[in-house]
Amino acid sequence: MNPIVKIVGALKFVANHPVNRDRRFRAVAEYGFIQIAARLTPGDVCVEFPNRTRLMVSPHMKGAAHFIAPRLVEFDDMAFVMHFLRPGEMFADVGANVGAFTVLAAGVAGAKTISFEPSAETFEMLARNVRLNNLDKLARPVNAVVGRKAGNVQFSSGLGTENHVAAASEKANSVTVPMTTLDHELEANPATLLKVDVEGFETEVFGGAENTLKNQALRAIIVERNGCGNRYGYDEEALHARIRQHGFAPFGYAPFERQLCPLGGSEAGNIIYIRNADKANERLRAASAFTLGDLKV
């Protein structure tokens, strides 16, 4: 992508981000300063997250700087997690990265959380964020890939937030990591909400989650659809059709209105699948607001 186009796109994204809805020009100026300052910082950066939680981020990790500004980068989905979950419920975070969703689920909503991150470097940051927010009794980080069956698999290295299970052509630059399944990990404690963001490996994740999908305790799923499944030869439409066959319907979320927004069957990006939209909307409307600085949602 042309660097100028990329920069302009990033500035537009920051200006229109819900966190900056009342301070767009100031936010753009701050964003430029933060991006430069963060990269000159020799160590990690600790940023404010909702309800006095915090997130430790390495600004030098590829793809991680957006957690510094605008912080709640996937705002609608992150707000959904905070509004939907209740204390004591289980949240499964597959592709947890540095732990942003984990901190929101456990630290803000009070949910029990199991978080899977295969990259050793990124896992260490995830574990640090659990400790930073005193979430050791609620959140359990797992350093493993989630897939179709237990075993070992090759995983890329050095790509920061874009690390992924290595395709056949990438195995020369990969490391061996353990693989587990959702059906095994969630057998004793079924998830209420499941998030899957694994750079195209989603088909394999759900291949080991048949019992998880059937379990009526699972009320919602957030899953990414971005065409990355092509690197493994997977048909993403088939996967999303399978999810719908288990009684889930696709939605987006409007956090300020506390309302689910129906989607068609072929949208890209993060999709929120819901089993019972009426009950979910009731639950969302009844949730406590979260705060981040002057923002209250």
Protein backbone atom coordinates (compact mmCIF):
# COMPACT_ATOMS: atom_id res chain seq x y z
CA MET A 1 0.00 0.00 0.00
CA ASN A 2 1.19 3.53 -0.80
CA PRO A 3 2.60 5.05 2.46
CA ILE A 4 0.69 8.31 1.95
CA VAL A 5 -2.58 6.46 1.47
CA LYS A 6 -1.84 4.38 4.56
CA ILE A 7 -1.12 7.45 6.70
CA VAL A 8 -4.22 9.32 5.47
CA GLY A 9 -6.34 6.25 6.17
CA ALA A 10 -4.94 5.96 9.70
CA LEU A 11 -5.62 9.64 10.43
CA LYS A 12 -9.20 9.33 9.17
CA PHE A 13 -9.69 6.26 11.33
CA VAL A 14 -8.43 8.10 14.42
CA ALA A 15 -10.51 11.20 13.69
CA ASN A 16 -13.70 9.16 13.30
CA HIS A 17 -13.04 6.73 16.14
CA PRO A 18 -15.80 6.79 18.79
CA VAL A 19 -13.28 7.43 21.57
CA ASN A 20 -12.49 10.74 19.84
CA ARG A 21 -16.02 11.76 18.89
CA ASP A 22 -15.80 15.10 20.74
CA ARG A 23 -12.11 15.83 20.15
CA ARG A 24 -11.28 14.85 16.58
CA PHE A 25 -8.69 17.49 15.65
CA ARG A 26 -6.90 17.18 18.96
CA ALA A 27 -6.95 13.39 18.65
CA VAL A 28 -5.29 13.48 15.23
CA ALA A 29 -2.53 15.74 16.55
CA GLU A 30 -2.04 13.51 19.60
CA TYR A 31 -1.97 10.43 17.41
CA GLY A 32 0.92 11.77 15.35
CA PHE A 33 2.87 12.72 18.47
CA ILE A 34 2.19 9.38 20.18
CA GLN A 35 3.21 7.31 17.16
CA ILE A 36 6.55 9.11 16.96
CA ALA A 37 7.19 9.23 20.72
CA ALA A 38 6.23 5.57 21.22
CA ARG A 39 8.75 4.41 18.65
CA LEU A 40 11.49 6.46 20.32
CA THR A 41 10.67 5.01 23.74
CA PRO A 42 13.23 2.33 24.67
CA GLY A 43 10.82 0.27 26.76
CA ASP A 44 7.16 -0.68 26.89
CA VAL A 45 4.25 1.72 27.26
CA CYS A 46 1.42 1.41 29.81
CA VAL A 47 -1.88 2.89 28.61
CA GLU A 48 -5.15 3.62 30.37
CA PHE A 49 -7.96 1.18 29.60
CA PRO A 50 -11.61 1.31 30.72
CA ASN A 51 -12.62 1.39 34.38
CA ARG A 52 -9.06 2.00 35.57
CA THR A 53 -7.62 -1.10 33.97
CA ARG A 54 -4.32 -0.80 32.11
CA LEU A 55 -2.65 -2.37 29.11
CA MET A 56 1.09 -2.77 28.70
CA VAL A 57 2.15 -2.53 25.06
CA SER A 58 5.47 -2.78 23.26
CA PRO A 59 5.41 0.04 20.66
CA HIS A 60 8.09 -1.81 18.71
CA MET A 61 5.96 -4.93 18.26
CA LYS A 62 4.56 -4.99 14.74
CA GLY A 63 0.87 -4.00 14.73
CA ALA A 64 0.68 -3.20 18.46
CA ALA A 65 0.88 0.62 18.39
CA HIS A 66 -2.87 0.98 17.76
CA PHE A 67 -3.44 -0.17 21.35
CA ILE A 68 -1.63 3.02 22.42
CA ALA A 69 -3.80 5.23 20.21
CA PRO A 70 -6.74 5.02 19.87
CA ARG A 71 -6.60 2.18 22.48
CA LEU A 72 -10.04 0.60 22.00
CA VAL A 73 -9.19 0.06 18.35
CA GLU A 74 -12.01 -2.46 17.71
CA PHE A 75 -14.44 -0.26 19.60
CA ASP A 76 -17.78 -1.89 18.75
CA ASP A 77 -16.59 -5.42 19.51
CA MET A 78 -14.72 -4.37 22.64
CA ALA A 79 -17.79 -2.52 23.92
CA PHE A 80 -19.89 -5.60 23.16
CA VAL A 81 -17.61 -7.75 25.34
CA MET A 82 -17.84 -5.31 28.24
CA HIS A 83 -21.62 -4.91 27.93
CA PHE A 84 -22.47 -8.55 27.24
CA LEU A 85 -20.47 -10.46 29.83
CA ARG A 86 -21.36 -10.82 33.50
CA PRO A 87 -19.20 -11.72 36.53
CA GLY A 88 -18.56 -15.45 36.76
CA GLU A 89 -19.32 -16.24 33.12
CA MET A 90 -16.63 -17.72 30.87
CA PHE A 91 -14.98 -15.85 28.02
CA ALA A 92 -12.69 -17.77 25.64
CA ASP A 93 -10.21 -15.52 23.82
CA VAL A 94 -8.63 -17.42 20.92
CA GLY A 95 -5.85 -15.31 19.46
CA ALA A 96 -5.57 -13.18 22.59
CA ASN A 97 -2.53 -11.23 21.41
CA VAL A 98 -1.26 -8.90 24.17
CA GLY A 99 -4.52 -9.33 26.10
CA ALA A 100 -6.70 -6.32 25.24
CA PHE A 101 -9.94 -8.33 25.10
CA THR A 102 -8.83 -10.41 28.08
CA VAL A 103 -8.38 -7.30 30.22
CA LEU A 104 -11.79 -5.96 29.16
CA ALA A 105 -13.58 -9.26 29.82
CA ALA A 106 -11.96 -10.02 33.18
CA GLY A 107 -10.93 -6.58 34.41
CA VAL A 108 -14.05 -4.64 33.38
CA ALA A 109 -16.85 -7.22 33.09
CA GLY A 110 -15.52 -9.53 35.83
CA ALA A 111 -15.80 -12.67 33.69
CA LYS A 112 -13.60 -15.73 33.98
CA THR A 113 -11.30 -15.84 30.97
CA ILE A 114 -9.17 -18.42 29.20
CA SER A 115 -6.85 -16.78 26.69
CA PHE A 116 -4.87 -18.57 23.99
CA GLU A 117 -1.76 -17.01 22.46
CA PRO A 118 0.91 -19.17 20.72
CA SER A 119 3.68 -16.61 20.15
CA ALA A 120 6.18 -16.72 23.03
CA GLU A 121 6.91 -12.98 22.83
CA THR A 122 3.25 -11.97 22.65
CA PHE A 123 2.25 -14.49 25.32
CA GLU A 124 4.68 -12.91 27.75
CA MET A 125 2.97 -9.55 27.19
CA LEU A 126 -0.45 -11.18 27.67
CA ALA A 127 0.67 -12.75 30.95
CA ARG A 128 2.13 -9.41 32.09
CA ASN A 129 -1.18 -7.66 31.43
CA VAL A 130 -3.01 -10.27 33.48
CA ARG A 131 -0.61 -9.67 36.38
CA LEU A 132 -0.67 -5.88 35.90
CA ASN A 133 -4.43 -5.82 36.47
CA ASN A 134 -4.39 -8.39 39.30
CA LEU A 135 -6.49 -10.80 37.25
CA ASP A 136 -4.66 -14.01 38.13
CA LYS A 137 -7.77 -15.46 39.81
CA LEU A 138 -10.00 -14.70 36.81
CA ALA A 139 -7.81 -15.04 33.70
CA ARG A 140 -5.82 -18.09 32.61
CA PRO A 141 -3.36 -17.51 29.73
CA VAL A 142 -2.53 -20.57 27.63
CA ASN A 143 0.57 -20.57 25.40
CA ALA A 144 -0.82 -22.70 22.56
CA VAL A 145 -2.51 -22.73 19.19
CA VAL A 146 -6.17 -23.78 19.14
CA GLY A 147 -7.03 -26.17 16.33
CA ARG A 148 -8.76 -29.34 15.19
CA LYS A 149 -6.82 -31.78 17.40
CA ALA A 150 -4.16 -31.81 20.09
CA GLY A 151 -0.54 -32.01 19.01
CA ASN A 152 2.12 -29.65 17.67
CA VAL A 153 2.10 -27.19 14.79
CA GLN A 154 4.50 -24.75 13.13
CA PHE A 155 3.94 -21.08 13.97
CA SER A 156 5.45 -17.95 12.43
CA SER A 157 7.77 -15.69 14.43
CA GLY A 158 8.82 -12.06 14.32
CA LEU A 159 5.53 -10.71 12.93
CA GLY A 160 4.15 -9.26 16.15
CA THR A 161 0.36 -9.14 16.17
CA GLU A 162 0.33 -10.72 12.70
CA ASN A 163 1.93 -14.04 13.67
CA HIS A 164 -0.03 -17.06 12.50
CA VAL A 165 0.06 -20.82 11.97
CA ALA A 166 2.64 -21.34 9.26
CA ALA A 167 1.40 -22.35 5.83
CA ALA A 168 3.42 -24.92 3.88
CA SER A 169 5.59 -22.25 2.23
CA GLU A 170 6.39 -20.52 5.55
CA LYS A 171 7.63 -23.40 7.69
CA ALA A 172 11.31 -22.60 7.15
CA ASN A 173 10.88 -19.45 9.27
CA SER A 174 8.66 -20.92 11.98
CA VAL A 175 8.83 -22.47 15.43
CA THR A 176 7.07 -25.51 16.89
CA VAL A 177 4.27 -24.78 19.36
CA PRO A 178 1.67 -26.99 21.11
CA MET A 179 -1.91 -27.17 19.84
CA THR A 180 -5.06 -27.85 21.85
CA THR A 181 -8.81 -27.79 21.11
CA LEU A 182 -11.73 -25.76 22.41
CA ASP A 183 -13.75 -28.90 23.12
CA HIS A 184 -11.00 -30.08 25.45
CA GLU A 185 -10.30 -26.75 27.13
CA LEU A 186 -13.96 -25.78 27.63
CA GLU A 187 -15.36 -29.20 28.53
CA ALA A 188 -15.58 -28.47 32.25
CA ASN A 189 -16.30 -24.72 31.96
CA PRO A 190 -18.34 -23.90 28.82
CA ALA A 191 -17.94 -20.42 27.41
CA THR A 192 -20.73 -17.84 27.33
CA LEU A 193 -18.82 -15.76 24.78
CA LEU A 194 -16.13 -16.92 22.35
CA LYS A 195 -13.79 -14.66 20.36
CA VAL A 196 -11.72 -16.11 17.51
CA ASP A 197 -9.14 -13.98 15.66
CA VAL A 198 -6.40 -16.23 14.29
CA GLU A 199 -5.30 -14.80 10.94
CA GLY A 200 -7.18 -17.26 8.74
CA PHE A 201 -6.93 -20.40 10.93
CA GLU A 202 -10.54 -20.06 12.10
CA THR A 203 -11.72 -23.13 10.19
CA GLU A 204 -9.30 -25.32 12.16
CA VAL A 205 -10.33 -23.72 15.47
CA PHE A 206 -13.97 -24.58 14.86
CA GLY A 207 -12.94 -28.01 13.58
CA GLY A 208 -12.08 -28.83 17.20
CA ALA A 209 -15.14 -27.09 18.65
CA GLU A 210 -18.12 -29.20 17.65
CA ASN A 211 -19.27 -29.77 21.23
CA THR A 212 -18.56 -26.14 22.05
CA LEU A 213 -20.84 -24.96 19.24
CA LYS A 214 -23.61 -27.37 20.27
CA ASN A 215 -23.52 -26.29 23.90
CA GLN A 216 -26.44 -23.93 24.59
CA ALA A 217 -24.34 -22.14 27.21
CA LEU A 218 -22.53 -20.48 24.31
CA ARG A 219 -24.61 -17.38 23.60
CA ALA A 220 -22.34 -15.35 21.35
CA ILE A 221 -19.26 -15.60 19.13
CA ILE A 222 -17.02 -12.88 17.72
CA VAL A 223 -15.14 -14.17 14.70
CA GLU A 224 -13.02 -12.44 12.09
CA ARG A 225 -13.70 -12.90 8.38
CA ASN A 226 -11.06 -11.25 6.22
CA GLY A 227 -10.05 -13.72 3.52
CA CYS A 228 -6.89 -14.87 5.31
CA GLY A 229 -8.23 -18.43 5.22
CA ASN A 230 -7.05 -18.50 1.62
CA ARG A 231 -3.47 -19.05 2.79
CA TYR A 232 -4.57 -22.48 4.02
CA GLY A 233 -7.04 -23.17 1.21
CA TYR A 234 -10.09 -22.78 3.48
CA ASP A 235 -13.57 -21.74 2.35
CA GLU A 236 -14.59 -19.04 4.84
CA GLU A 237 -18.16 -18.99 3.54
CA ALA A 238 -18.51 -22.66 4.46
CA LEU A 239 -17.29 -21.95 7.99
CA HIS A 240 -19.70 -19.06 8.52
CA ALA A 241 -22.58 -21.11 7.10
CA ARG A 242 -21.72 -23.82 9.62
CA ILE A 243 -21.83 -21.34 12.50
CA ARG A 244 -25.28 -20.14 11.37
CA GLN A 245 -26.48 -23.75 11.21
CA HIS A 246 -25.90 -23.98 14.96
CA GLY A 247 -28.55 -21.34 15.56
CA PHE A 248 -26.41 -18.21 15.43
CA ALA A 249 -27.31 -15.10 13.42
CA PRO A 250 -24.78 -12.41 12.35
CA PHE A 251 -24.88 -8.93 13.87
CA GLY A 252 -22.90 -5.77 14.36
CA TYR A 253 -23.17 -3.74 17.58
CA ALA A 254 -23.99 -0.06 18.16
CA PRO A 255 -22.52 0.57 21.66
CA PHE A 256 -24.03 4.01 22.31
CA GLU A 257 -27.51 2.74 21.41
CA ARG A 258 -26.92 -0.65 23.14
CA GLN A 259 -28.42 -2.32 20.09
CA LEU A 260 -27.49 -5.27 17.87
CA CYS A 261 -27.64 -4.51 14.14
CA PRO A 262 -28.54 -7.43 11.81
CA LEU A 263 -26.05 -8.28 9.07
CA GLY A 264 -26.31 -10.33 5.91
CA GLY A 265 -24.46 -13.58 5.41
CA SER A 266 -21.42 -12.33 3.48
CA GLU A 267 -20.06 -9.32 5.41
CA ALA A 268 -16.32 -9.11 6.08
CA GLY A 269 -14.53 -8.00 9.22
CA ASN A 270 -15.44 -8.93 12.76
CA ILE A 271 -18.88 -10.50 12.98
CA ILE A 272 -20.85 -11.00 16.19
CA TYR A 273 -22.93 -14.17 16.09
CA ILE A 274 -25.87 -14.30 18.50
CA ARG A 275 -28.16 -17.21 19.42
CA ASN A 276 -31.09 -15.20 20.78
CA ALA A 277 -31.07 -11.56 19.71
CA ASP A 278 -34.00 -10.45 21.88
CA LYS A 279 -32.43 -11.79 25.07
CA ALA A 280 -29.03 -10.46 24.03
CA ASN A 281 -30.41 -6.94 23.49
CA GLU A 282 -32.06 -7.06 26.92
CA ARG A 283 -28.76 -8.08 28.47
CA LEU A 284 -26.85 -5.35 26.63
CA ARG A 285 -29.29 -2.62 27.68
CA ALA A 286 -29.06 -3.73 31.31
CA ALA A 287 -25.27 -3.67 31.47
CA SER A 288 -23.36 -1.14 33.53
CA ALA A 289 -21.61 1.61 31.57
CA PHE A 290 -17.84 1.56 31.21
CA THR A 291 -15.71 4.70 31.32
CA LEU A 292 -12.49 5.71 29.61
CA GLY A 293 -11.37 9.22 30.50
CA ASP A 294 -14.34 11.49 29.84
CA LEU A 295 -16.10 8.85 27.73
CA LYS A 296 -18.95 6.90 29.30
CA VAL A 297 -20.71 4.21 27.27
